[in-house]
Amino acid sequence: MRLSEKKIDSLCRKVFQELLKSKHCVIHRTEAPVVEAMKKVVLDDLKAEDEIDAEVERILEEHKDEMRLRGADYHTMVRKTKAVLARKKKFVY
C-alpha cells in the first residue's frame, strides 16, 4: 500500500510527538526540521522500493518464457527475486 505524502507527513509528526513524550531521546531541534528529515528518509525508502520493484518486473519479463516452461509461479518468483535484489542492494527486506 502506497502512502500519500500528506499521510507520511502526518505519521512523521505523530512519531516526533511520541518521541518527545517518551523521554527516551533528547531532541535539540524544533519539530519542522526533524519531521522533514524523517519524511525524506521515508520517501527515499519508498523510492528505493519502487526501483527494486521495477527491476524485478524487468528481470521477470526477460525470463517469462522460461518461467512458463518450468511452471514457475509468478508471485513466488516476484517475492524471491525481490528478496535477492533487496539483499544485494543492502535494503532491509
PDB file of N, CA and C in Angstrom:
ATOM      1  N   MET A   1       0.840  -1.176   0.000  1.00  0.00           N
ATOM      2  CA  MET A   1       0.000   0.000   0.000  1.00  0.00           C
ATOM      3  C   MET A   1       0.885   1.239   0.000  1.00  0.00           C
ATOM      4  N   ARG A   2       0.634   2.115  -0.918  1.00  0.00           N
ATOM      5  CA  ARG A   2       1.379   3.371  -1.008  1.00  0.00           C
ATOM      6  C   ARG A   2       0.732   4.418  -0.115  1.00  0.00           C
ATOM      7  N   LEU A   3       1.577   5.177   0.529  1.00  0.00           N
ATOM      8  CA  LEU A   3       1.100   6.261   1.384  1.00  0.00           C
ATOM      9  C   LEU A   3       1.247   7.584   0.650  1.00  0.00           C
ATOM     10  N   SER A   4       0.270   8.450   0.833  1.00  0.00           N
ATOM     11  CA  SER A   4       0.372   9.782   0.243  1.00  0.00           C
ATOM     12  C   SER A   4       1.398  10.587   1.036  1.00  0.00           C
ATOM     13  N   GLU A   5       1.915  11.628   0.406  1.00  0.00           N
ATOM     14  CA  GLU A   5       2.888  12.472   1.105  1.00  0.00           C
ATOM     15  C   GLU A   5       2.240  13.116   2.331  1.00  0.00           C
ATOM     16  N   LYS A   6       0.958  13.426   2.236  1.00  0.00           N
ATOM     17  CA  LYS A   6       0.226  14.007   3.372  1.00  0.00           C
ATOM     18  C   LYS A   6       0.171  13.010   4.540  1.00  0.00           C
ATOM     19  N   LYS A   7      -0.081  11.738   4.229  1.00  0.00           N
ATOM     20  CA  LYS A   7      -0.143  10.705   5.268  1.00  0.00           C
ATOM     21  C   LYS A   7       1.243  10.481   5.880  1.00  0.00           C
ATOM     22  N   ILE A   8       2.272  10.493   5.049  1.00  0.00           N
ATOM     23  CA  ILE A   8       3.643  10.342   5.551  1.00  0.00           C
ATOM     24  C   ILE A   8       3.973  11.486   6.497  1.00  0.00           C
ATOM     25  N   ASP A   9       3.599  12.706   6.116  1.00  0.00           N
ATOM     26  CA  ASP A   9       3.821  13.872   6.972  1.00  0.00           C
ATOM     27  C   ASP A   9       3.115  13.686   8.312  1.00  0.00           C
ATOM     28  N   SER A  10       1.868  13.259   8.264  1.00  0.00           N
ATOM     29  CA  SER A  10       1.090  13.049   9.489  1.00  0.00           C
ATOM     30  C   SER A  10       1.738  11.991  10.384  1.00  0.00           C
ATOM     31  N   LEU A  11       2.157  10.884   9.796  1.00  0.00           N
ATOM     32  CA  LEU A  11       2.795   9.823  10.579  1.00  0.00           C
ATOM     33  C   LEU A  11       4.110  10.284  11.196  1.00  0.00           C
ATOM     34  N   CYS A  12       4.898  11.033  10.437  1.00  0.00           N
ATOM     35  CA  CYS A  12       6.176  11.534  10.957  1.00  0.00           C
ATOM     36  C   CYS A  12       5.950  12.500  12.116  1.00  0.00           C
ATOM     37  N   ARG A  13       4.933  13.328  12.010  1.00  0.00           N
ATOM     38  CA  ARG A  13       4.606  14.251  13.108  1.00  0.00           C
ATOM     39  C   ARG A  13       4.183  13.483  14.361  1.00  0.00           C
ATOM     40  N   LYS A  14       3.401  12.425  14.172  1.00  0.00           N
ATOM     41  CA  LYS A  14       2.974  11.604  15.310  1.00  0.00           C
ATOM     42  C   LYS A  14       4.171  10.920  15.964  1.00  0.00           C
ATOM     43  N   VAL A  15       5.079  10.395  15.150  1.00  0.00           N
ATOM     44  CA  VAL A  15       6.284   9.753  15.690  1.00  0.00           C
ATOM     45  C   VAL A  15       7.105  10.769  16.469  1.00  0.00           C
ATOM     46  N   PHE A  16       7.270  11.964  15.912  1.00  0.00           N
ATOM     47  CA  PHE A  16       8.015  13.025  16.595  1.00  0.00           C
ATOM     48  C   PHE A  16       7.385  13.323  17.960  1.00  0.00           C
ATOM     49  N   GLN A  17       6.075  13.489  17.989  1.00  0.00           N
ATOM     50  CA  GLN A  17       5.388  13.793  19.249  1.00  0.00           C
ATOM     51  C   GLN A  17       5.545  12.654  20.264  1.00  0.00           C
ATOM     52  N   GLU A  18       5.472  11.418  19.789  1.00  0.00           N
ATOM     53  CA  GLU A  18       5.651  10.277  20.687  1.00  0.00           C
ATOM     54  C   GLU A  18       7.079  10.213  21.229  1.00  0.00           C
ATOM     55  N   LEU A  19       8.054  10.554  20.399  1.00  0.00           N
ATOM     56  CA  LEU A  19       9.440  10.592  20.872  1.00  0.00           C
ATOM     57  C   LEU A  19       9.613  11.648  21.957  1.00  0.00           C
ATOM     58  N   LEU A  20       8.988  12.792  21.767  1.00  0.00           N
ATOM     59  CA  LEU A  20       9.065  13.843  22.789  1.00  0.00           C
ATOM     60  C   LEU A  20       8.457  13.376  24.105  1.00  0.00           C
ATOM     61  N   LYS A  21       7.317  12.719  24.030  1.00  0.00           N
ATOM     62  CA  LYS A  21       6.621  12.242  25.231  1.00  0.00           C
ATOM     63  C   LYS A  21       7.383  11.120  25.928  1.00  0.00           C
ATOM     64  N   SER A  22       8.062  10.289  25.151  1.00  0.00           N
ATOM     65  CA  SER A  22       8.657   9.069  25.695  1.00  0.00           C
ATOM     66  C   SER A  22       9.851   9.312  26.606  1.00  0.00           C
ATOM     67  N   LYS A  23      10.531  10.410  26.431  1.00  0.00           N
ATOM     68  CA  LYS A  23      11.731  10.730  27.218  1.00  0.00           C
ATOM     69  C   LYS A  23      12.878   9.758  26.952  1.00  0.00           C
ATOM     70  N   HIS A  24      12.774   8.958  25.881  1.00  0.00           N
ATOM     71  CA  HIS A  24      13.854   8.031  25.529  1.00  0.00           C
ATOM     72  C   HIS A  24      14.940   8.697  24.705  1.00  0.00           C
ATOM     73  N   CYS A  25      14.663   9.890  24.237  1.00  0.00           N
ATOM     74  CA  CYS A  25      15.677  10.595  23.466  1.00  0.00           C
ATOM     75  C   CYS A  25      15.545  12.091  23.730  1.00  0.00           C
ATOM     76  N   VAL A  26      16.622  12.776  23.500  1.00  0.00           N
ATOM     77  CA  VAL A  26      16.637  14.228  23.664  1.00  0.00           C
ATOM     78  C   VAL A  26      16.696  14.831  22.270  1.00  0.00           C
ATOM     79  N   ILE A  27      15.759  15.702  21.970  1.00  0.00           N
ATOM     80  CA  ILE A  27      15.700  16.319  20.651  1.00  0.00           C
ATOM     81  C   ILE A  27      16.078  17.786  20.797  1.00  0.00           C
ATOM     82  N   HIS A  28      17.105  18.184  20.068  1.00  0.00           N
ATOM     83  CA  HIS A  28      17.628  19.544  20.163  1.00  0.00           C
ATOM     84  C   HIS A  28      17.171  20.431  19.016  1.00  0.00           C
ATOM     85  N   ARG A  29      16.167  20.023  18.301  1.00  0.00           N
ATOM     86  CA  ARG A  29      15.655  20.792  17.171  1.00  0.00           C
ATOM     87  C   ARG A  29      14.154  20.988  17.334  1.00  0.00           C
ATOM     88  N   THR A  30      13.640  21.940  16.578  1.00  0.00           N
ATOM     89  CA  THR A  30      12.192  22.118  16.567  1.00  0.00           C
ATOM     90  C   THR A  30      11.574  21.007  15.721  1.00  0.00           C
ATOM     91  N   GLU A  31      10.281  20.924  15.762  1.00  0.00           N
ATOM     92  CA  GLU A  31       9.575  19.848  15.066  1.00  0.00           C
ATOM     93  C   GLU A  31       9.809  19.861  13.551  1.00  0.00           C
ATOM     94  N   ALA A  32       9.731  21.021  12.932  1.00  0.00           N
ATOM     95  CA  ALA A  32       9.760  21.103  11.462  1.00  0.00           C
ATOM     96  C   ALA A  32      10.982  20.438  10.821  1.00  0.00           C
ATOM     97  N   PRO A  33      12.216  20.769  11.231  1.00  0.00           N
ATOM     98  CA  PRO A  33      13.353  20.131  10.550  1.00  0.00           C
ATOM     99  C   PRO A  33      13.462  18.630  10.830  1.00  0.00           C
ATOM    100  N   VAL A  34      13.047  18.219  12.003  1.00  0.00           N
ATOM    101  CA  VAL A  34      13.103  16.790  12.331  1.00  0.00           C
ATOM    102  C   VAL A  34      12.084  16.027  11.488  1.00  0.00           C
ATOM    103  N   VAL A  35      10.877  16.563  11.402  1.00  0.00           N
ATOM    104  CA  VAL A  35       9.835  15.919  10.602  1.00  0.00           C
ATOM    105  C   VAL A  35      10.244  15.880   9.130  1.00  0.00           C
ATOM    106  N   GLU A  36      10.830  16.954   8.627  1.00  0.00           N
ATOM    107  CA  GLU A  36      11.286  16.974   7.231  1.00  0.00           C
ATOM    108  C   GLU A  36      12.353  15.908   6.991  1.00  0.00           C
ATOM    109  N   ALA A  37      13.267  15.747   7.931  1.00  0.00           N
ATOM    110  CA  ALA A  37      14.306  14.716   7.796  1.00  0.00           C
ATOM    111  C   ALA A  37      13.680  13.317   7.818  1.00  0.00           C
ATOM    112  N   MET A  38      12.716  13.121   8.693  1.00  0.00           N
ATOM    113  CA  MET A  38      12.025  11.834   8.766  1.00  0.00           C
ATOM    114  C   MET A  38      11.287  11.542   7.460  1.00  0.00           C
ATOM    115  N   LYS A  39      10.605  12.549   6.933  1.00  0.00           N
ATOM    116  CA  LYS A  39       9.875  12.381   5.671  1.00  0.00           C
ATOM    117  C   LYS A  39      10.829  12.019   4.537  1.00  0.00           C
ATOM    118  N   LYS A  40      11.988  12.661   4.512  1.00  0.00           N
ATOM    119  CA  LYS A  40      12.970  12.378   3.458  1.00  0.00           C
ATOM    120  C   LYS A  40      13.411  10.915   3.517  1.00  0.00           C
ATOM    121  N   VAL A  41      13.650  10.426   4.720  1.00  0.00           N
ATOM    122  CA  VAL A  41      14.058   9.026   4.876  1.00  0.00           C
ATOM    123  C   VAL A  41      12.963   8.090   4.359  1.00  0.00           C
ATOM    124  N   VAL A  42      11.724   8.355   4.742  1.00  0.00           N
ATOM    125  CA  VAL A  42      10.611   7.503   4.313  1.00  0.00           C
ATOM    126  C   VAL A  42      10.443   7.561   2.798  1.00  0.00           C
ATOM    127  N   LEU A  43      10.457   8.768   2.240  1.00  0.00           N
ATOM    128  CA  LEU A  43      10.277   8.921   0.792  1.00  0.00           C
ATOM    129  C   LEU A  43      11.427   8.285   0.008  1.00  0.00           C
ATOM    130  N   ASP A  44      12.655   8.431   0.508  1.00  0.00           N
ATOM    131  CA  ASP A  44      13.807   7.791  -0.141  1.00  0.00           C
ATOM    132  C   ASP A  44      13.669   6.271  -0.111  1.00  0.00           C
ATOM    133  N   ASP A  45      13.182   5.757   1.013  1.00  0.00           N
ATOM    134  CA  ASP A  45      12.975   4.326   1.162  1.00  0.00           C
ATOM    135  C   ASP A  45      11.918   3.831   0.166  1.00  0.00           C
ATOM    136  N   LEU A  46      10.828   4.570   0.045  1.00  0.00           N
ATOM    137  CA  LEU A  46       9.775   4.190  -0.898  1.00  0.00           C
ATOM    138  C   LEU A  46      10.280   4.247  -2.341  1.00  0.00           C
ATOM    139  N   LYS A  47      11.115   5.230  -2.635  1.00  0.00           N
ATOM    140  CA  LYS A  47      11.685   5.342  -3.978  1.00  0.00           C
ATOM    141  C   LYS A  47      12.584   4.138  -4.272  1.00  0.00           C
ATOM    142  N   ALA A  48      13.405   3.760  -3.294  1.00  0.00           N
ATOM    143  CA  ALA A  48      14.282   2.598  -3.466  1.00  0.00           C
ATOM    144  C   ALA A  48      13.452   1.331  -3.674  1.00  0.00           C
ATOM    145  N   GLU A  49      12.365   1.217  -2.936  1.00  0.00           N
ATOM    146  CA  GLU A  49      11.483   0.060  -3.094  1.00  0.00           C
ATOM    147  C   GLU A  49      10.865   0.041  -4.494  1.00  0.00           C
ATOM    148  N   ASP A  50      10.448   1.201  -4.984  1.00  0.00           N
ATOM    149  CA  ASP A  50       9.897   1.289  -6.344  1.00  0.00           C
ATOM    150  C   ASP A  50      10.932   0.872  -7.381  1.00  0.00           C
ATOM    151  N   GLU A  51      12.181   1.273  -7.174  1.00  0.00           N
ATOM    152  CA  GLU A  51      13.248   0.907  -8.108  1.00  0.00           C
ATOM    153  C   GLU A  51      13.480  -0.600  -8.108  1.00  0.00           C
ATOM    154  N   ILE A  52      13.432  -1.203  -6.932  1.00  0.00           N
ATOM    155  CA  ILE A  52      13.579  -2.662  -6.839  1.00  0.00           C
ATOM    156  C   ILE A  52      12.410  -3.339  -7.544  1.00  0.00           C
ATOM    157  N   ASP A  53      11.190  -2.852  -7.318  1.00  0.00           N
ATOM    158  CA  ASP A  53      10.013  -3.427  -7.974  1.00  0.00           C
ATOM    159  C   ASP A  53      10.134  -3.353  -9.497  1.00  0.00           C
ATOM    160  N   ALA A  54      10.606  -2.218 -10.006  1.00  0.00           N
ATOM    161  CA  ALA A  54      10.762  -2.055 -11.457  1.00  0.00           C
ATOM    162  C   ALA A  54      11.807  -3.027 -11.997  1.00  0.00           C
ATOM    163  N   GLU A  55      12.883  -3.211 -11.251  1.00  0.00           N
ATOM    164  CA  GLU A  55      13.928  -4.139 -11.689  1.00  0.00           C
ATOM    165  C   GLU A  55      13.425  -5.580 -11.669  1.00  0.00           C
ATOM    166  N   VAL A  56      12.628  -5.916 -10.660  1.00  0.00           N
ATOM    167  CA  VAL A  56      12.033  -7.256 -10.588  1.00  0.00           C
ATOM    168  C   VAL A  56      11.155  -7.493 -11.819  1.00  0.00           C
ATOM    169  N   GLU A  57      10.323  -6.520 -12.148  1.00  0.00           N
ATOM    170  CA  GLU A  57       9.446  -6.652 -13.316  1.00  0.00           C
ATOM    171  C   GLU A  57      10.262  -6.852 -14.591  1.00  0.00           C
ATOM    172  N   ARG A  58      11.338  -6.096 -14.734  1.00  0.00           N
ATOM    173  CA  ARG A  58      12.187  -6.206 -15.921  1.00  0.00           C
ATOM    174  C   ARG A  58      12.824  -7.598 -16.008  1.00  0.00           C
ATOM    175  N   ILE A  59      13.347  -8.059 -14.888  1.00  0.00           N
ATOM    176  CA  ILE A  59      14.005  -9.376 -14.852  1.00  0.00           C
ATOM    177  C   ILE A  59      13.009 -10.483 -15.187  1.00  0.00           C
ATOM    178  N   LEU A  60      11.840 -10.426 -14.570  1.00  0.00           N
ATOM    179  CA  LEU A  60      10.852 -11.482 -14.807  1.00  0.00           C
ATOM    180  C   LEU A  60      10.309 -11.432 -16.233  1.00  0.00           C
ATOM    181  N   GLU A  61      10.196 -10.243 -16.782  1.00  0.00           N
ATOM    182  CA  GLU A  61       9.761 -10.111 -18.178  1.00  0.00           C
ATOM    183  C   GLU A  61      10.772 -10.786 -19.108  1.00  0.00           C
ATOM    184  N   GLU A  62      12.061 -10.624 -18.814  1.00  0.00           N
ATOM    185  CA  GLU A  62      13.112 -11.249 -19.629  1.00  0.00           C
ATOM    186  C   GLU A  62      13.061 -12.775 -19.559  1.00  0.00           C
ATOM    187  N   HIS A  63      12.570 -13.302 -18.445  1.00  0.00           N
ATOM    188  CA  HIS A  63      12.574 -14.751 -18.232  1.00  0.00           C
ATOM    189  C   HIS A  63      11.176 -15.365 -18.271  1.00  0.00           C
ATOM    190  N   LYS A  64      10.196 -14.649 -18.778  1.00  0.00           N
ATOM    191  CA  LYS A  64       8.815 -15.134 -18.713  1.00  0.00           C
ATOM    192  C   LYS A  64       8.612 -16.447 -19.472  1.00  0.00           C
ATOM    193  N   ASP A  65       9.266 -16.600 -20.627  1.00  0.00           N
ATOM    194  CA  ASP A  65       9.098 -17.844 -21.392  1.00  0.00           C
ATOM    195  C   ASP A  65       9.663 -19.040 -20.628  1.00  0.00           C
ATOM    196  N   GLU A  66      10.846 -18.855 -20.062  1.00  0.00           N
ATOM    197  CA  GLU A  66      11.468 -19.927 -19.277  1.00  0.00           C
ATOM    198  C   GLU A  66      10.610 -20.259 -18.053  1.00  0.00           C
ATOM    199  N   MET A  67      10.075 -19.235 -17.402  1.00  0.00           N
ATOM    200  CA  MET A  67       9.220 -19.461 -16.228  1.00  0.00           C
ATOM    201  C   MET A  67       7.968 -20.245 -16.624  1.00  0.00           C
ATOM    202  N   ARG A  68       7.390 -19.893 -17.760  1.00  0.00           N
ATOM    203  CA  ARG A  68       6.186 -20.577 -18.229  1.00  0.00           C
ATOM    204  C   ARG A  68       6.496 -22.053 -18.510  1.00  0.00           C
ATOM    205  N   LEU A  69       7.627 -22.315 -19.170  1.00  0.00           N
ATOM    206  CA  LEU A  69       8.011 -23.696 -19.482  1.00  0.00           C
ATOM    207  C   LEU A  69       8.219 -24.532 -18.223  1.00  0.00           C
ATOM    208  N   ARG A  70       8.775 -23.917 -17.203  1.00  0.00           N
ATOM    209  CA  ARG A  70       9.053 -24.642 -15.956  1.00  0.00           C
ATOM    210  C   ARG A  70       7.868 -24.644 -14.995  1.00  0.00           C
ATOM    211  N   GLY A  71       6.823 -23.906 -15.329  1.00  0.00           N
ATOM    212  CA  GLY A  71       5.642 -23.858 -14.471  1.00  0.00           C
ATOM    213  C   GLY A  71       5.865 -23.067 -13.192  1.00  0.00           C
ATOM    214  N   ALA A  72       6.756 -22.092 -13.256  1.00  0.00           N
ATOM    215  CA  ALA A  72       7.060 -21.278 -12.069  1.00  0.00           C
ATOM    216  C   ALA A  72       5.887 -20.355 -11.751  1.00  0.00           C
ATOM    217  N   ASP A  73       5.583 -20.234 -10.482  1.00  0.00           N
ATOM    218  CA  ASP A  73       4.521 -19.335 -10.032  1.00  0.00           C
ATOM    219  C   ASP A  73       5.039 -17.899 -10.045  1.00  0.00           C
ATOM    220  N   TYR A  74       4.333 -17.029 -10.750  1.00  0.00           N
ATOM    221  CA  TYR A  74       4.777 -15.647 -10.924  1.00  0.00           C
ATOM    222  C   TYR A  74       4.945 -14.929  -9.581  1.00  0.00           C
ATOM    223  N   HIS A  75       3.969 -15.048  -8.701  1.00  0.00           N
ATOM    224  CA  HIS A  75       4.028 -14.326  -7.421  1.00  0.00           C
ATOM    225  C   HIS A  75       5.174 -14.825  -6.539  1.00  0.00           C
ATOM    226  N   THR A  76       5.430 -16.113  -6.592  1.00  0.00           N
ATOM    227  CA  THR A  76       6.564 -16.667  -5.850  1.00  0.00           C
ATOM    228  C   THR A  76       7.872 -16.117  -6.405  1.00  0.00           C
ATOM    229  N   MET A  77       7.961 -16.052  -7.722  1.00  0.00           N
ATOM    230  CA  MET A  77       9.177 -15.528  -8.349  1.00  0.00           C
ATOM    231  C   MET A  77       9.369 -14.040  -8.046  1.00  0.00           C
ATOM    232  N   VAL A  78       8.279 -13.282  -7.996  1.00  0.00           N
ATOM    233  CA  VAL A  78       8.374 -11.862  -7.624  1.00  0.00           C
ATOM    234  C   VAL A  78       8.957 -11.748  -6.226  1.00  0.00           C
ATOM    235  N   ARG A  79       8.393 -12.508  -5.298  1.00  0.00           N
ATOM    236  CA  ARG A  79       8.838 -12.446  -3.903  1.00  0.00           C
ATOM    237  C   ARG A  79      10.314 -12.837  -3.772  1.00  0.00           C
ATOM    238  N   LYS A  80      10.698 -13.929  -4.419  1.00  0.00           N
ATOM    239  CA  LYS A  80      12.083 -14.398  -4.319  1.00  0.00           C
ATOM    240  C   LYS A  80      13.057 -13.432  -4.987  1.00  0.00           C
ATOM    241  N   THR A  81      12.690 -12.939  -6.158  1.00  0.00           N
ATOM    242  CA  THR A  81      13.570 -12.008  -6.877  1.00  0.00           C
ATOM    243  C   THR A  81      13.720 -10.712  -6.103  1.00  0.00           C
ATOM    244  N   LYS A  82      12.621 -10.244  -5.535  1.00  0.00           N
ATOM    245  CA  LYS A  82      12.673  -9.009  -4.743  1.00  0.00           C
ATOM    246  C   LYS A  82      13.580  -9.194  -3.529  1.00  0.00           C
ATOM    247  N   ALA A  83      13.491 -10.339  -2.876  1.00  0.00           N
ATOM    248  CA  ALA A  83      14.333 -10.603  -1.705  1.00  0.00           C
ATOM    249  C   ALA A  83      15.813 -10.620  -2.087  1.00  0.00           C
ATOM    250  N   VAL A  84      16.130 -11.247  -3.220  1.00  0.00           N
ATOM    251  CA  VAL A  84      17.526 -11.304  -3.676  1.00  0.00           C
ATOM    252  C   VAL A  84      18.044  -9.900  -3.981  1.00  0.00           C
ATOM    253  N   LEU A  85      17.268  -9.123  -4.736  1.00  0.00           N
ATOM    254  CA  LEU A  85      17.699  -7.763  -5.081  1.00  0.00           C
ATOM    255  C   LEU A  85      17.825  -6.884  -3.844  1.00  0.00           C
ATOM    256  N   ALA A  86      16.885  -7.022  -2.925  1.00  0.00           N
ATOM    257  CA  ALA A  86      16.935  -6.216  -1.701  1.00  0.00           C
ATOM    258  C   ALA A  86      18.214  -6.515  -0.915  1.00  0.00           C
ATOM    259  N   ARG A  87      18.574  -7.788  -0.811  1.00  0.00           N
ATOM    260  CA  ARG A  87      19.811  -8.150  -0.115  1.00  0.00           C
ATOM    261  C   ARG A  87      21.031  -7.597  -0.839  1.00  0.00           C
ATOM    262  N   LYS A  88      21.056  -7.722  -2.166  1.00  0.00           N
ATOM    263  CA  LYS A  88      22.190  -7.217  -2.945  1.00  0.00           C
ATOM    264  C   LYS A  88      22.370  -5.717  -2.761  1.00  0.00           C
ATOM    265  N   LYS A  89      21.264  -4.998  -2.669  1.00  0.00           N
ATOM    266  CA  LYS A  89      21.320  -3.543  -2.542  1.00  0.00           C
ATOM    267  C   LYS A  89      21.393  -3.096  -1.080  1.00  0.00           C
ATOM    268  N   LYS A  90      21.509  -4.094  -0.182  1.00  0.00           N
ATOM    269  CA  LYS A  90      21.574  -3.828   1.258  1.00  0.00           C
ATOM    270  C   LYS A  90      20.348  -3.049   1.740  1.00  0.00           C
ATOM    271  N   PHE A  91      19.211  -3.406   1.157  1.00  0.00           N
ATOM    272  CA  PHE A  91      17.923  -2.825   1.512  1.00  0.00           C
ATOM    273  C   PHE A  91      17.261  -3.808   2.454  1.00  0.00           C
ATOM    274  N   VAL A  92      16.861  -3.378   3.616  1.00  0.00           N
ATOM    275  CA  VAL A  92      16.262  -4.286   4.594  1.00  0.00           C
ATOM    276  C   VAL A  92      14.951  -4.800   4.030  1.00  0.00           C
ATOM    277  N   TYR A  93      14.811  -6.125   4.018  1.00  0.00           N
ATOM    278  CA  TYR A  93      13.605  -6.731   3.451  1.00  0.00           C
ATOM    279  C   TYR A  93      12.991  -7.652   4.455  1.00  0.00           C
TER     280      TYR A  93
END
